[in-house]
């Protein structure tokens, strides 16, 4: 073992900042806001999302009518979002 630490990065994370009847917005850690539609939320979870919910998302290629758009949104726990995933080699 050389004592090197390898940091594994997963899908981008963010926080729901605005919710409307037919769509919502997630703010990523870099401040960018990403639009999402109900059909992008896994397991029909759109109704369960609230402002402040932590989510993992996949950003679609290109932009939709409301700017950058998520193709997948998955609610996660705050612990999952804040934990660092590290593997020592």
C-alpha atoms as a PDB file:
ATOM      1  CA  UNK A   1       0.000   0.000   0.000  1.00  0.00           C
ATOM      2  CA  UNK A   2       1.302   3.401  -0.948  1.00  0.00           C
ATOM      3  CA  UNK A   3      -1.155   5.335   1.189  1.00  0.00           C
ATOM      4  CA  UNK A   4      -2.836   6.906  -1.834  1.00  0.00           C
ATOM      5  CA  UNK A   5      -6.503   7.773  -1.472  1.00  0.00           C
ATOM      6  CA  UNK A   6      -8.745   7.381  -4.478  1.00  0.00           C
ATOM      7  CA  UNK A   7     -11.933   9.445  -4.450  1.00  0.00           C
ATOM      8  CA  UNK A   8     -14.837   7.879  -6.283  1.00  0.00           C
ATOM      9  CA  UNK A   9     -17.388  10.222  -7.724  1.00  0.00           C
ATOM     10  CA  UNK A  10     -20.939   9.190  -8.454  1.00  0.00           C
ATOM     11  CA  UNK A  11     -23.762  10.908 -10.256  1.00  0.00           C
ATOM     12  CA  UNK A  12     -24.250  14.631  -9.569  1.00  0.00           C
ATOM     13  CA  UNK A  13     -26.221  15.588  -6.466  1.00  0.00           C
ATOM     14  CA  UNK A  14     -28.388  18.575  -5.756  1.00  0.00           C
ATOM     15  CA  UNK A  15     -31.240  19.982  -3.690  1.00  0.00           C
ATOM     16  CA  UNK A  16     -34.785  20.662  -4.848  1.00  0.00           C
ATOM     17  CA  UNK A  17     -35.207  24.445  -4.706  1.00  0.00           C
ATOM     18  CA  UNK A  18     -38.590  24.998  -6.396  1.00  0.00           C
ATOM     19  CA  UNK A  19     -41.615  22.773  -6.984  1.00  0.00           C
ATOM     20  CA  UNK A  20     -44.645  23.422  -9.171  1.00  0.00           C
ATOM     21  CA  UNK A  21     -47.585  21.226 -10.189  1.00  0.00           C
ATOM     22  CA  UNK A  22     -45.944  20.009 -13.396  1.00  0.00           C
ATOM     23  CA  UNK A  23     -42.181  20.450 -12.851  1.00  0.00           C
ATOM     24  CA  UNK A  24     -39.424  21.414 -10.432  1.00  0.00           C
ATOM     25  CA  UNK A  25     -35.860  22.698 -10.225  1.00  0.00           C
ATOM     26  CA  UNK A  26     -32.762  21.255  -8.567  1.00  0.00           C
ATOM     27  CA  UNK A  27     -29.774  23.410  -7.579  1.00  0.00           C
ATOM     28  CA  UNK A  28     -26.471  21.622  -8.026  1.00  0.00           C
ATOM     29  CA  UNK A  29     -23.433  22.273  -5.816  1.00  0.00           C
ATOM     30  CA  UNK A  30     -22.004  24.641  -8.458  1.00  0.00           C
ATOM     31  CA  UNK A  31     -25.173  26.794  -8.263  1.00  0.00           C
ATOM     32  CA  UNK A  32     -26.597  25.706 -11.628  1.00  0.00           C
ATOM     33  CA  UNK A  33     -30.350  25.048 -11.630  1.00  0.00           C
ATOM     34  CA  UNK A  34     -31.648  22.023 -13.522  1.00  0.00           C
ATOM     35  CA  UNK A  35     -35.292  21.647 -14.619  1.00  0.00           C
ATOM     36  CA  UNK A  36     -37.061  18.298 -14.182  1.00  0.00           C
ATOM     37  CA  UNK A  37     -40.460  16.926 -15.180  1.00  0.00           C
ATOM     38  CA  UNK A  38     -42.480  14.387 -13.159  1.00  0.00           C
ATOM     39  CA  UNK A  39     -41.598  11.549 -15.547  1.00  0.00           C
ATOM     40  CA  UNK A  40     -37.876  12.039 -14.783  1.00  0.00           C
ATOM     41  CA  UNK A  41     -38.378  11.142 -11.096  1.00  0.00           C
ATOM     42  CA  UNK A  42     -37.828   7.453 -10.362  1.00  0.00           C
ATOM     43  CA  UNK A  43     -40.589   5.275  -8.894  1.00  0.00           C
ATOM     44  CA  UNK A  44     -43.294   7.896  -9.490  1.00  0.00           C
ATOM     45  CA  UNK A  45     -41.710   9.927  -6.688  1.00  0.00           C
ATOM     46  CA  UNK A  46     -42.549  13.417  -7.969  1.00  0.00           C
ATOM     47  CA  UNK A  47     -45.348  13.931  -5.421  1.00  0.00           C
ATOM     48  CA  UNK A  48     -43.029  13.005  -2.523  1.00  0.00           C
ATOM     49  CA  UNK A  49     -40.384  15.608  -3.403  1.00  0.00           C
ATOM     50  CA  UNK A  50     -40.352  18.842  -1.419  1.00  0.00           C
ATOM     51  CA  UNK A  51     -38.197  21.954  -1.431  1.00  0.00           C
ATOM     52  CA  UNK A  52     -35.019  20.925   0.373  1.00  0.00           C
ATOM     53  CA  UNK A  53     -35.121  17.272  -0.749  1.00  0.00           C
ATOM     54  CA  UNK A  54     -31.706  15.850  -1.622  1.00  0.00           C
ATOM     55  CA  UNK A  55     -31.559  14.152  -5.024  1.00  0.00           C
ATOM     56  CA  UNK A  56     -29.155  12.445  -7.396  1.00  0.00           C
ATOM     57  CA  UNK A  57     -29.679  13.299 -11.051  1.00  0.00           C
ATOM     58  CA  UNK A  58     -28.559  12.731 -14.596  1.00  0.00           C
ATOM     59  CA  UNK A  59     -28.493  15.818 -16.812  1.00  0.00           C
ATOM     60  CA  UNK A  60     -29.760  15.287 -20.372  1.00  0.00           C
ATOM     61  CA  UNK A  61     -27.714  16.285 -23.406  1.00  0.00           C
ATOM     62  CA  UNK A  62     -28.704  19.698 -24.753  1.00  0.00           C
ATOM     63  CA  UNK A  63     -31.293  21.960 -23.160  1.00  0.00           C
ATOM     64  CA  UNK A  64     -35.047  21.871 -22.896  1.00  0.00           C
ATOM     65  CA  UNK A  65     -37.446  24.807 -23.110  1.00  0.00           C
ATOM     66  CA  UNK A  66     -36.593  25.742 -19.506  1.00  0.00           C
ATOM     67  CA  UNK A  67     -32.832  25.333 -19.770  1.00  0.00           C
ATOM     68  CA  UNK A  68     -30.731  22.355 -18.659  1.00  0.00           C
ATOM     69  CA  UNK A  69     -32.994  19.377 -17.958  1.00  0.00           C
ATOM     70  CA  UNK A  70     -32.628  16.224 -15.876  1.00  0.00           C
ATOM     71  CA  UNK A  71     -33.376  12.919 -17.561  1.00  0.00           C
ATOM     72  CA  UNK A  72     -33.359  11.091 -14.197  1.00  0.00           C
ATOM     73  CA  UNK A  73     -33.977  12.317 -10.639  1.00  0.00           C
ATOM     74  CA  UNK A  74     -33.647   9.973  -7.661  1.00  0.00           C
ATOM     75  CA  UNK A  75     -34.410  11.078  -4.091  1.00  0.00           C
ATOM     76  CA  UNK A  76     -31.558  10.280  -1.681  1.00  0.00           C
ATOM     77  CA  UNK A  77     -30.979  10.714   2.023  1.00  0.00           C
ATOM     78  CA  UNK A  78     -28.957  13.627   3.361  1.00  0.00           C
ATOM     79  CA  UNK A  79     -26.430  11.114   4.713  1.00  0.00           C
ATOM     80  CA  UNK A  80     -25.851   9.720   1.216  1.00  0.00           C
ATOM     81  CA  UNK A  81     -25.373  13.168  -0.248  1.00  0.00           C
ATOM     82  CA  UNK A  82     -22.961  14.411   2.402  1.00  0.00           C
ATOM     83  CA  UNK A  83     -20.838  11.305   2.808  1.00  0.00           C
ATOM     84  CA  UNK A  84     -17.550  11.071   0.993  1.00  0.00           C
ATOM     85  CA  UNK A  85     -16.990   7.875  -0.953  1.00  0.00           C
ATOM     86  CA  UNK A  86     -13.318   6.971  -0.637  1.00  0.00           C
ATOM     87  CA  UNK A  87     -11.437   3.788  -1.235  1.00  0.00           C
ATOM     88  CA  UNK A  88      -7.846   3.406  -0.159  1.00  0.00           C
ATOM     89  CA  UNK A  89      -5.472   1.678  -2.535  1.00  0.00           C
END
